[in-house]
Amino acid sequence: MKKRHFWADLTDYLLCMVGGVIYSAAMNLFIFPRGLYIGNLTGISQIIQELLQVVIPTLGDVRGFILLALNLPLLIIAFKVVNRKFFLKTVLAILTVALAMQFIPVVNILPALDDLLTICIIGGILAGFGIGLALKSGGSSGGVDTLGVLVSLKNSNYSVGRVSLLISLAVYLYAFVKFPPEIVVYSVIFSLICNFVIDQVHYQNVKVSVTIITKEKELLPYITQELVRGATWWNGKGAFTDSDVMVINTVVSKYELVRMRKELIELDPQAFLIENHEVNVTGYFPAHFF
């Protein structure tokens, strides 16, 4: 079990890094070269760099380092609120984004393509997939994504993408005065696409109710100790066999369900699972990241 968890954790750490690289590549190869203005902390780092270049004309592209500095306060908050694995994965993803933004050149990868709408679609899909991959792997690419996770833990009505979109719209209201309307409009379109993809890839806020019928008592410690989820259980009777069974009910996030389903079947191949994906959760629901 511990060996499987080691490789699962290692895979998650690698996916957090891959997600950070994909996000940075989308920014540097599709969005920045077209002069699009991005909401969230990446956009704020753009503003800071432009202001610094006014004071220091010879200053190169330091968006990655500025973004890293902006993320430090959120990392401190994340360290206090969420668990250690989420914090470590988030630090790894943020460092990957910062370094990738510095080393991936800001170049127009599709010079023959002049359609900004197409660029927004491609860039939005790639950037959203990168952020969503980091989130799905139990981390965050930083910025408002980390803030979105923190808010979603307090209120399940706000997904990570929704929190990011609200912050981006507030930034665009300010940017509308500074930038041409066309750039702002296409930047908003990019943000909408990006955040839609984030929510499709990241299932942290989708709750699933699972009822498990089993004869193996080891399944309950797995849920409470390995997944660190609460559960309710009671004794039951099989209608056909009249045999004693244990009925366990728990609620997990959608991406945790994939892992739980696999582990439960390994512990008890005869287990019977009933999944309800249309569930609303009210009350105490501690969320942990793996």
C-alpha atoms as a PDB file:
ATOM      1  CA  MET A   1       0.000   0.000   0.000  1.00  0.00           C
ATOM      2  CA  LYS A   2       2.786   2.440   0.953  1.00  0.00           C
ATOM      3  CA  LYS A   3       4.661   1.659  -2.278  1.00  0.00           C
ATOM      4  CA  ARG A   4       1.552   2.393  -4.348  1.00  0.00           C
ATOM      5  CA  HIS A   5       1.070   5.662  -2.486  1.00  0.00           C
ATOM      6  CA  PHE A   6       4.691   6.629  -3.134  1.00  0.00           C
ATOM      7  CA  TRP A   7       4.335   6.178  -6.884  1.00  0.00           C
ATOM      8  CA  ALA A   8       0.944   7.891  -6.875  1.00  0.00           C
ATOM      9  CA  ASP A   9       2.423  10.894  -5.044  1.00  0.00           C
ATOM     10  CA  LEU A  10       5.419  10.976  -7.379  1.00  0.00           C
ATOM     11  CA  THR A  11       3.092  10.966 -10.386  1.00  0.00           C
ATOM     12  CA  ASP A  12       1.113  13.847  -8.896  1.00  0.00           C
ATOM     13  CA  TYR A  13       4.281  15.897  -8.327  1.00  0.00           C
ATOM     14  CA  LEU A  14       5.363  15.318 -11.925  1.00  0.00           C
ATOM     15  CA  LEU A  15       1.902  16.242 -13.241  1.00  0.00           C
ATOM     16  CA  CYS A  16       2.003  19.469 -11.215  1.00  0.00           C
ATOM     17  CA  MET A  17       5.259  20.350 -12.977  1.00  0.00           C
ATOM     18  CA  VAL A  18       3.878  19.386 -16.389  1.00  0.00           C
ATOM     19  CA  GLY A  19       0.803  21.533 -15.747  1.00  0.00           C
ATOM     20  CA  GLY A  20       3.031  24.492 -14.839  1.00  0.00           C
ATOM     21  CA  VAL A  21       5.063  24.119 -18.040  1.00  0.00           C
ATOM     22  CA  ILE A  22       1.925  23.870 -20.203  1.00  0.00           C
ATOM     23  CA  TYR A  23       0.483  27.006 -18.604  1.00  0.00           C
ATOM     24  CA  SER A  24       3.727  28.968 -19.079  1.00  0.00           C
ATOM     25  CA  ALA A  25       4.051  27.804 -22.680  1.00  0.00           C
ATOM     26  CA  ALA A  26       0.498  28.952 -23.426  1.00  0.00           C
ATOM     27  CA  MET A  27       1.296  32.390 -21.992  1.00  0.00           C
ATOM     28  CA  ASN A  28       4.672  32.906 -23.662  1.00  0.00           C
ATOM     29  CA  LEU A  29       3.859  31.376 -27.046  1.00  0.00           C
ATOM     30  CA  PHE A  30       0.253  32.440 -27.628  1.00  0.00           C
ATOM     31  CA  ILE A  31      -0.931  35.182 -25.280  1.00  0.00           C
ATOM     32  CA  PHE A  32       1.951  37.545 -24.469  1.00  0.00           C
ATOM     33  CA  PRO A  33       3.228  37.854 -28.078  1.00  0.00           C
ATOM     34  CA  ARG A  34      -0.223  39.048 -29.185  1.00  0.00           C
ATOM     35  CA  GLY A  35      -0.279  41.784 -26.553  1.00  0.00           C
ATOM     36  CA  LEU A  36      -3.246  40.303 -24.752  1.00  0.00           C
ATOM     37  CA  TYR A  37      -3.733  41.418 -21.178  1.00  0.00           C
ATOM     38  CA  ILE A  38      -4.365  38.630 -18.700  1.00  0.00           C
ATOM     39  CA  GLY A  39      -6.356  38.945 -15.488  1.00  0.00           C
ATOM     40  CA  ASN A  40      -5.218  37.297 -12.228  1.00  0.00           C
ATOM     41  CA  LEU A  41      -1.672  37.479 -10.842  1.00  0.00           C
ATOM     42  CA  THR A  42      -0.096  36.826 -14.229  1.00  0.00           C
ATOM     43  CA  GLY A  43      -1.724  39.998 -15.503  1.00  0.00           C
ATOM     44  CA  ILE A  44      -0.653  41.894 -12.409  1.00  0.00           C
ATOM     45  CA  SER A  45       2.918  40.754 -13.030  1.00  0.00           C
ATOM     46  CA  GLN A  46       2.564  42.173 -16.554  1.00  0.00           C
ATOM     47  CA  ILE A  47       1.558  45.552 -15.149  1.00  0.00           C
ATOM     48  CA  ILE A  48       4.414  45.583 -12.643  1.00  0.00           C
ATOM     49  CA  GLN A  49       6.929  44.688 -15.341  1.00  0.00           C
ATOM     50  CA  GLU A  50       5.672  47.470 -17.612  1.00  0.00           C
ATOM     51  CA  LEU A  51       5.957  49.981 -14.764  1.00  0.00           C
ATOM     52  CA  LEU A  52       9.448  48.770 -13.913  1.00  0.00           C
ATOM     53  CA  GLN A  53      10.517  49.042 -17.556  1.00  0.00           C
ATOM     54  CA  VAL A  54       9.450  52.680 -17.522  1.00  0.00           C
ATOM     55  CA  VAL A  55      11.877  53.261 -14.657  1.00  0.00           C
ATOM     56  CA  ILE A  56      14.497  50.777 -15.922  1.00  0.00           C
ATOM     57  CA  PRO A  57      14.297  50.722 -19.748  1.00  0.00           C
ATOM     58  CA  THR A  58      16.970  48.006 -20.002  1.00  0.00           C
ATOM     59  CA  LEU A  59      15.042  45.619 -17.770  1.00  0.00           C
ATOM     60  CA  GLY A  60      14.372  42.305 -19.505  1.00  0.00           C
ATOM     61  CA  ASP A  61      11.455  39.933 -19.121  1.00  0.00           C
ATOM     62  CA  VAL A  62      11.128  39.163 -15.396  1.00  0.00           C
ATOM     63  CA  ARG A  63       7.445  38.246 -15.300  1.00  0.00           C
ATOM     64  CA  GLY A  64       8.245  34.824 -13.891  1.00  0.00           C
ATOM     65  CA  PHE A  65      10.159  36.204 -10.925  1.00  0.00           C
ATOM     66  CA  ILE A  66       7.523  38.873 -10.259  1.00  0.00           C
ATOM     67  CA  LEU A  67       4.832  36.202 -10.320  1.00  0.00           C
ATOM     68  CA  LEU A  68       6.835  34.146  -7.832  1.00  0.00           C
ATOM     69  CA  ALA A  69       7.116  37.125  -5.478  1.00  0.00           C
ATOM     70  CA  LEU A  70       3.366  37.798  -5.718  1.00  0.00           C
ATOM     71  CA  ASN A  71       2.619  34.195  -4.806  1.00  0.00           C
ATOM     72  CA  LEU A  72       4.605  34.172  -1.574  1.00  0.00           C
ATOM     73  CA  PRO A  73       1.819  35.630   0.647  1.00  0.00           C
ATOM     74  CA  LEU A  74      -0.704  33.140  -0.767  1.00  0.00           C
ATOM     75  CA  LEU A  75       1.723  30.299  -0.105  1.00  0.00           C
ATOM     76  CA  ILE A  76       1.945  31.328   3.531  1.00  0.00           C
ATOM     77  CA  ILE A  77      -1.860  31.273   3.755  1.00  0.00           C
ATOM     78  CA  ALA A  78      -2.009  27.908   1.991  1.00  0.00           C
ATOM     79  CA  PHE A  79       0.553  26.451   4.410  1.00  0.00           C
ATOM     80  CA  LYS A  80      -1.661  27.378   7.366  1.00  0.00           C
ATOM     81  CA  VAL A  81      -5.000  26.338   5.868  1.00  0.00           C
ATOM     82  CA  VAL A  82      -4.448  23.239   3.725  1.00  0.00           C
ATOM     83  CA  ASN A  83      -2.344  20.161   4.289  1.00  0.00           C
ATOM     84  CA  ARG A  84       1.350  19.648   3.666  1.00  0.00           C
ATOM     85  CA  LYS A  85       1.048  17.722   0.407  1.00  0.00           C
ATOM     86  CA  PHE A  86      -1.033  20.436  -1.235  1.00  0.00           C
ATOM     87  CA  PHE A  87       1.453  23.040  -0.061  1.00  0.00           C
ATOM     88  CA  LEU A  88       4.482  21.153  -1.412  1.00  0.00           C
ATOM     89  CA  LYS A  89       2.806  20.452  -4.740  1.00  0.00           C
ATOM     90  CA  THR A  90       1.778  24.087  -5.035  1.00  0.00           C
ATOM     91  CA  VAL A  91       5.323  25.287  -4.301  1.00  0.00           C
ATOM     92  CA  LEU A  92       6.652  22.912  -6.956  1.00  0.00           C
ATOM     93  CA  ALA A  93       4.086  24.078  -9.526  1.00  0.00           C
ATOM     94  CA  ILE A  94       4.753  27.768  -8.808  1.00  0.00           C
ATOM     95  CA  LEU A  95       8.517  27.318  -9.122  1.00  0.00           C
ATOM     96  CA  THR A  96       7.958  25.462 -12.386  1.00  0.00           C
ATOM     97  CA  VAL A  97       5.764  28.281 -13.741  1.00  0.00           C
ATOM     98  CA  ALA A  98       8.288  30.942 -12.706  1.00  0.00           C
ATOM     99  CA  LEU A  99      11.259  29.141 -14.268  1.00  0.00           C
ATOM    100  CA  ALA A 100       9.353  28.117 -17.396  1.00  0.00           C
ATOM    101  CA  MET A 101       8.210  31.711 -17.977  1.00  0.00           C
ATOM    102  CA  GLN A 102      11.823  32.831 -17.755  1.00  0.00           C
ATOM    103  CA  PHE A 103      13.285  30.173 -20.052  1.00  0.00           C
ATOM    104  CA  ILE A 104      10.503  29.732 -22.619  1.00  0.00           C
ATOM    105  CA  PRO A 105      10.990  32.605 -25.089  1.00  0.00           C
ATOM    106  CA  VAL A 106       8.123  35.031 -25.669  1.00  0.00           C
ATOM    107  CA  VAL A 107       7.712  34.441 -29.410  1.00  0.00           C
ATOM    108  CA  ASN A 108       4.793  34.333 -31.811  1.00  0.00           C
ATOM    109  CA  ILE A 109       4.634  30.608 -32.511  1.00  0.00           C
ATOM    110  CA  LEU A 110       1.976  31.065 -35.227  1.00  0.00           C
ATOM    111  CA  PRO A 111       3.005  34.228 -37.122  1.00  0.00           C
ATOM    112  CA  ALA A 112       0.771  33.404 -40.082  1.00  0.00           C
ATOM    113  CA  LEU A 113      -2.322  33.259 -37.874  1.00  0.00           C
ATOM    114  CA  ASP A 114      -3.831  36.720 -37.416  1.00  0.00           C
ATOM    115  CA  ASP A 115      -7.188  35.644 -35.963  1.00  0.00           C
ATOM    116  CA  LEU A 116      -7.095  36.676 -32.307  1.00  0.00           C
ATOM    117  CA  LEU A 117     -10.195  34.613 -31.550  1.00  0.00           C
ATOM    118  CA  THR A 118      -8.433  31.438 -32.654  1.00  0.00           C
ATOM    119  CA  ILE A 119      -5.410  32.406 -30.564  1.00  0.00           C
ATOM    120  CA  CYS A 120      -7.675  32.932 -27.551  1.00  0.00           C
ATOM    121  CA  ILE A 121      -9.236  29.500 -28.024  1.00  0.00           C
ATOM    122  CA  ILE A 122      -5.900  27.695 -28.387  1.00  0.00           C
ATOM    123  CA  GLY A 123      -4.228  29.620 -25.575  1.00  0.00           C
ATOM    124  CA  GLY A 124      -7.264  29.276 -23.305  1.00  0.00           C
ATOM    125  CA  ILE A 125      -7.482  25.519 -23.772  1.00  0.00           C
ATOM    126  CA  LEU A 126      -3.758  25.015 -23.129  1.00  0.00           C
ATOM    127  CA  ALA A 127      -3.562  27.386 -20.156  1.00  0.00           C
ATOM    128  CA  GLY A 128      -6.754  25.997 -18.595  1.00  0.00           C
ATOM    129  CA  PHE A 129      -5.575  22.440 -19.083  1.00  0.00           C
ATOM    130  CA  GLY A 130      -2.232  23.228 -17.451  1.00  0.00           C
ATOM    131  CA  ILE A 131      -3.840  24.853 -14.400  1.00  0.00           C
ATOM    132  CA  GLY A 132      -6.508  22.155 -14.165  1.00  0.00           C
ATOM    133  CA  LEU A 133      -3.862  19.424 -14.362  1.00  0.00           C
ATOM    134  CA  ALA A 134      -1.980  20.926 -11.422  1.00  0.00           C
ATOM    135  CA  LEU A 135      -5.217  21.240  -9.430  1.00  0.00           C
ATOM    136  CA  LYS A 136      -6.373  17.729 -10.275  1.00  0.00           C
ATOM    137  CA  SER A 137      -3.002  16.378  -9.162  1.00  0.00           C
ATOM    138  CA  GLY A 138      -3.532  17.898  -5.741  1.00  0.00           C
ATOM    139  CA  GLY A 139      -1.647  21.167  -6.140  1.00  0.00           C
ATOM    140  CA  SER A 140      -2.095  24.578  -7.677  1.00  0.00           C
ATOM    141  CA  SER A 141      -0.219  26.677 -10.193  1.00  0.00           C
ATOM    142  CA  GLY A 142      -0.465  29.532  -7.721  1.00  0.00           C
ATOM    143  CA  GLY A 143      -2.028  32.954  -8.058  1.00  0.00           C
ATOM    144  CA  VAL A 144      -5.787  33.153  -7.835  1.00  0.00           C
ATOM    145  CA  ASP A 145      -5.902  29.359  -8.285  1.00  0.00           C
ATOM    146  CA  THR A 146      -4.548  28.973  -4.759  1.00  0.00           C
ATOM    147  CA  LEU A 147      -6.987  31.625  -3.567  1.00  0.00           C
ATOM    148  CA  GLY A 148      -9.755  29.827  -5.451  1.00  0.00           C
ATOM    149  CA  VAL A 149      -8.980  26.555  -3.692  1.00  0.00           C
ATOM    150  CA  LEU A 150      -9.034  28.302  -0.302  1.00  0.00           C
ATOM    151  CA  VAL A 151     -12.376  29.961  -1.066  1.00  0.00           C
ATOM    152  CA  SER A 152     -13.893  26.746  -2.467  1.00  0.00           C
ATOM    153  CA  LEU A 153     -12.996  24.939   0.745  1.00  0.00           C
ATOM    154  CA  LYS A 154     -15.083  27.480   2.665  1.00  0.00           C
ATOM    155  CA  ASN A 155     -17.938  27.688   0.164  1.00  0.00           C
ATOM    156  CA  SER A 156     -18.598  24.857  -2.311  1.00  0.00           C
ATOM    157  CA  ASN A 157     -20.745  27.199  -4.444  1.00  0.00           C
ATOM    158  CA  TYR A 158     -17.549  28.867  -5.679  1.00  0.00           C
ATOM    159  CA  SER A 159     -15.398  26.724  -7.936  1.00  0.00           C
ATOM    160  CA  VAL A 160     -11.762  27.551  -8.619  1.00  0.00           C
ATOM    161  CA  GLY A 161     -12.577  28.753 -12.113  1.00  0.00           C
ATOM    162  CA  ARG A 162     -15.415  30.977 -10.873  1.00  0.00           C
ATOM    163  CA  VAL A 163     -13.219  32.665  -8.261  1.00  0.00           C
ATOM    164  CA  SER A 164     -10.502  33.225 -10.850  1.00  0.00           C
ATOM    165  CA  LEU A 165     -13.021  34.667 -13.314  1.00  0.00           C
ATOM    166  CA  LEU A 166     -14.454  37.118 -10.764  1.00  0.00           C
ATOM    167  CA  ILE A 167     -10.984  38.422  -9.936  1.00  0.00           C
ATOM    168  CA  SER A 168     -10.079  38.641 -13.621  1.00  0.00           C
ATOM    169  CA  LEU A 169     -13.185  40.684 -14.407  1.00  0.00           C
ATOM    170  CA  ALA A 170     -12.310  43.136 -11.638  1.00  0.00           C
ATOM    171  CA  VAL A 171      -8.829  43.521 -13.112  1.00  0.00           C
ATOM    172  CA  TYR A 172     -10.229  44.027 -16.624  1.00  0.00           C
ATOM    173  CA  LEU A 173     -12.432  46.868 -15.444  1.00  0.00           C
ATOM    174  CA  TYR A 174      -9.250  48.680 -14.458  1.00  0.00           C
ATOM    175  CA  ALA A 175      -7.399  47.564 -17.589  1.00  0.00           C
ATOM    176  CA  PHE A 176     -10.168  48.839 -19.848  1.00  0.00           C
ATOM    177  CA  VAL A 177      -8.973  52.377 -19.197  1.00  0.00           C
ATOM    178  CA  LYS A 178      -5.334  51.527 -19.953  1.00  0.00           C
ATOM    179  CA  PHE A 179      -5.601  49.236 -22.984  1.00  0.00           C
ATOM    180  CA  PRO A 180      -7.422  49.299 -26.352  1.00  0.00           C
ATOM    181  CA  PRO A 181     -10.964  47.883 -26.126  1.00  0.00           C
ATOM    182  CA  GLU A 182     -10.170  45.162 -28.688  1.00  0.00           C
ATOM    183  CA  ILE A 183      -7.331  43.784 -26.566  1.00  0.00           C
ATOM    184  CA  VAL A 184      -9.467  43.804 -23.431  1.00  0.00           C
ATOM    185  CA  VAL A 185     -12.366  42.047 -25.182  1.00  0.00           C
ATOM    186  CA  TYR A 186     -10.169  39.263 -26.549  1.00  0.00           C
ATOM    187  CA  SER A 187      -8.420  38.952 -23.197  1.00  0.00           C
ATOM    188  CA  VAL A 188     -11.789  38.442 -21.507  1.00  0.00           C
ATOM    189  CA  ILE A 189     -12.674  35.787 -24.102  1.00  0.00           C
ATOM    190  CA  PHE A 190      -9.403  34.023 -23.353  1.00  0.00           C
ATOM    191  CA  SER A 191     -10.137  34.180 -19.621  1.00  0.00           C
ATOM    192  CA  LEU A 192     -13.622  32.690 -20.110  1.00  0.00           C
ATOM    193  CA  ILE A 193     -12.252  29.788 -22.148  1.00  0.00           C
ATOM    194  CA  CYS A 194      -9.373  29.210 -19.745  1.00  0.00           C
ATOM    195  CA  ASN A 195     -11.590  29.083 -16.668  1.00  0.00           C
ATOM    196  CA  PHE A 196     -14.136  26.847 -18.374  1.00  0.00           C
ATOM    197  CA  VAL A 197     -11.384  24.330 -19.152  1.00  0.00           C
ATOM    198  CA  ILE A 198     -10.069  24.578 -15.573  1.00  0.00           C
ATOM    199  CA  ASP A 199     -13.422  23.499 -14.172  1.00  0.00           C
ATOM    200  CA  GLN A 200     -13.712  20.656 -16.695  1.00  0.00           C
ATOM    201  CA  VAL A 201     -10.306  19.259 -15.764  1.00  0.00           C
ATOM    202  CA  HIS A 202     -10.463  19.988 -12.040  1.00  0.00           C
ATOM    203  CA  TYR A 203     -13.108  18.072 -10.107  1.00  0.00           C
ATOM    204  CA  GLN A 204     -12.288  19.224  -6.567  1.00  0.00           C
ATOM    205  CA  ASN A 205     -15.668  20.885  -6.063  1.00  0.00           C
ATOM    206  CA  VAL A 206     -17.817  18.084  -7.512  1.00  0.00           C
ATOM    207  CA  LYS A 207     -19.030  15.944  -4.601  1.00  0.00           C
ATOM    208  CA  VAL A 208     -20.095  12.311  -4.976  1.00  0.00           C
ATOM    209  CA  SER A 209     -22.018  10.272  -2.430  1.00  0.00           C
ATOM    210  CA  VAL A 210     -20.862   6.640  -2.293  1.00  0.00           C
ATOM    211  CA  THR A 211     -22.633   3.767  -0.559  1.00  0.00           C
ATOM    212  CA  ILE A 212     -20.488   0.653  -0.123  1.00  0.00           C
ATOM    213  CA  ILE A 213     -21.814  -2.795   0.756  1.00  0.00           C
ATOM    214  CA  THR A 214     -19.052  -5.119   1.956  1.00  0.00           C
ATOM    215  CA  LYS A 215     -18.095  -7.858   4.375  1.00  0.00           C
ATOM    216  CA  GLU A 216     -14.577  -6.518   4.837  1.00  0.00           C
ATOM    217  CA  LYS A 217     -14.158  -4.206   7.833  1.00  0.00           C
ATOM    218  CA  GLU A 218     -10.792  -2.998   6.451  1.00  0.00           C
ATOM    219  CA  LEU A 219     -12.624  -0.726   4.023  1.00  0.00           C
ATOM    220  CA  LEU A 220     -13.711   1.641   6.778  1.00  0.00           C
ATOM    221  CA  PRO A 221     -10.161   2.401   8.082  1.00  0.00           C
ATOM    222  CA  TYR A 222      -9.089   2.994   4.486  1.00  0.00           C
ATOM    223  CA  ILE A 223     -11.749   5.694   4.060  1.00  0.00           C
ATOM    224  CA  THR A 224     -11.159   7.370   7.422  1.00  0.00           C
ATOM    225  CA  GLN A 225      -7.353   7.024   7.619  1.00  0.00           C
ATOM    226  CA  GLU A 226      -6.084   6.894   4.029  1.00  0.00           C
ATOM    227  CA  LEU A 227      -8.598   9.214   2.348  1.00  0.00           C
ATOM    228  CA  VAL A 228      -9.174  11.105   5.610  1.00  0.00           C
ATOM    229  CA  ARG A 229     -12.911  11.289   4.977  1.00  0.00           C
ATOM    230  CA  GLY A 230     -15.772  10.912   7.382  1.00  0.00           C
ATOM    231  CA  ALA A 231     -18.158   7.999   6.954  1.00  0.00           C
ATOM    232  CA  THR A 232     -21.309   6.530   8.464  1.00  0.00           C
ATOM    233  CA  TRP A 233     -21.793   2.761   8.675  1.00  0.00           C
ATOM    234  CA  TRP A 234     -24.418   0.320   9.857  1.00  0.00           C
ATOM    235  CA  ASN A 235     -25.037  -3.414   9.832  1.00  0.00           C
ATOM    236  CA  GLY A 236     -27.157  -4.821   7.048  1.00  0.00           C
ATOM    237  CA  LYS A 237     -28.545  -8.094   5.719  1.00  0.00           C
ATOM    238  CA  GLY A 238     -28.289  -9.516   2.212  1.00  0.00           C
ATOM    239  CA  ALA A 239     -31.830 -10.036   0.873  1.00  0.00           C
ATOM    240  CA  PHE A 240     -31.015 -13.217  -1.069  1.00  0.00           C
ATOM    241  CA  THR A 241     -28.327 -14.766   1.134  1.00  0.00           C
ATOM    242  CA  ASP A 242     -29.464 -13.416   4.527  1.00  0.00           C
ATOM    243  CA  SER A 243     -25.754 -12.884   5.268  1.00  0.00           C
ATOM    244  CA  ASP A 244     -24.415 -10.082   7.431  1.00  0.00           C
ATOM    245  CA  VAL A 245     -22.897  -7.123   5.564  1.00  0.00           C
ATOM    246  CA  MET A 246     -21.502  -3.699   6.435  1.00  0.00           C
ATOM    247  CA  VAL A 247     -23.061  -0.677   4.743  1.00  0.00           C
ATOM    248  CA  ILE A 248     -20.799   2.383   4.540  1.00  0.00           C
ATOM    249  CA  ASN A 249     -21.793   5.812   3.294  1.00  0.00           C
ATOM    250  CA  THR A 250     -19.284   8.571   2.560  1.00  0.00           C
ATOM    251  CA  VAL A 251     -18.890  11.699   0.413  1.00  0.00           C
ATOM    252  CA  VAL A 252     -15.756  12.378  -1.635  1.00  0.00           C
ATOM    253  CA  SER A 253     -14.716  14.721  -4.426  1.00  0.00           C
ATOM    254  CA  LYS A 254     -15.023  13.427  -7.959  1.00  0.00           C
ATOM    255  CA  TYR A 255     -11.323  12.980  -8.587  1.00  0.00           C
ATOM    256  CA  GLU A 256     -10.883  11.230  -5.212  1.00  0.00           C
ATOM    257  CA  LEU A 257     -13.589   8.797  -6.343  1.00  0.00           C
ATOM    258  CA  VAL A 258     -11.311   7.350  -9.046  1.00  0.00           C
ATOM    259  CA  ARG A 259      -8.641   6.485  -6.504  1.00  0.00           C
ATOM    260  CA  MET A 260     -11.124   5.237  -3.900  1.00  0.00           C
ATOM    261  CA  ARG A 261     -12.960   2.987  -6.348  1.00  0.00           C
ATOM    262  CA  LYS A 262      -9.720   1.292  -7.383  1.00  0.00           C
ATOM    263  CA  GLU A 263      -8.433   0.836  -3.828  1.00  0.00           C
ATOM    264  CA  LEU A 264     -11.731  -0.523  -2.488  1.00  0.00           C
ATOM    265  CA  ILE A 265     -11.991  -3.139  -5.219  1.00  0.00           C
ATOM    266  CA  GLU A 266      -8.424  -4.237  -4.436  1.00  0.00           C
ATOM    267  CA  LEU A 267      -9.265  -4.561  -0.735  1.00  0.00           C
ATOM    268  CA  ASP A 268     -12.555  -6.342  -1.420  1.00  0.00           C
ATOM    269  CA  PRO A 269     -13.227  -7.615  -4.976  1.00  0.00           C
ATOM    270  CA  GLN A 270     -16.778  -8.518  -3.837  1.00  0.00           C
ATOM    271  CA  ALA A 271     -17.611  -4.988  -2.655  1.00  0.00           C
ATOM    272  CA  PHE A 272     -20.725  -3.357  -4.139  1.00  0.00           C
ATOM    273  CA  LEU A 273     -20.573   0.421  -4.744  1.00  0.00           C
ATOM    274  CA  ILE A 274     -23.481   2.771  -5.409  1.00  0.00           C
ATOM    275  CA  GLU A 275     -22.436   6.251  -6.625  1.00  0.00           C
ATOM    276  CA  ASN A 276     -24.666   9.307  -6.606  1.00  0.00           C
ATOM    277  CA  HIS A 277     -23.158  12.194  -8.599  1.00  0.00           C
ATOM    278  CA  GLU A 278     -26.103  14.539  -8.032  1.00  0.00           C
ATOM    279  CA  VAL A 279     -25.407  15.455  -4.425  1.00  0.00           C
ATOM    280  CA  ASN A 280     -25.326  18.715  -2.487  1.00  0.00           C
ATOM    281  CA  VAL A 281     -23.316  18.868   0.716  1.00  0.00           C
ATOM    282  CA  THR A 282     -24.224  21.095   3.651  1.00  0.00           C
ATOM    283  CA  GLY A 283     -22.331  21.161   6.916  1.00  0.00           C
ATOM    284  CA  TYR A 284     -18.925  19.984   8.002  1.00  0.00           C
ATOM    285  CA  PHE A 285     -17.039  18.459   5.084  1.00  0.00           C
ATOM    286  CA  PRO A 286     -13.245  18.533   5.675  1.00  0.00           C
ATOM    287  CA  ALA A 287     -11.347  18.649   2.382  1.00  0.00           C
ATOM    288  CA  HIS A 288      -7.835  17.301   2.014  1.00  0.00           C
ATOM    289  CA  PHE A 289      -5.583  17.221  -1.015  1.00  0.00           C
ATOM    290  CA  PHE A 290      -3.482  14.300  -2.219  1.00  0.00           C
END
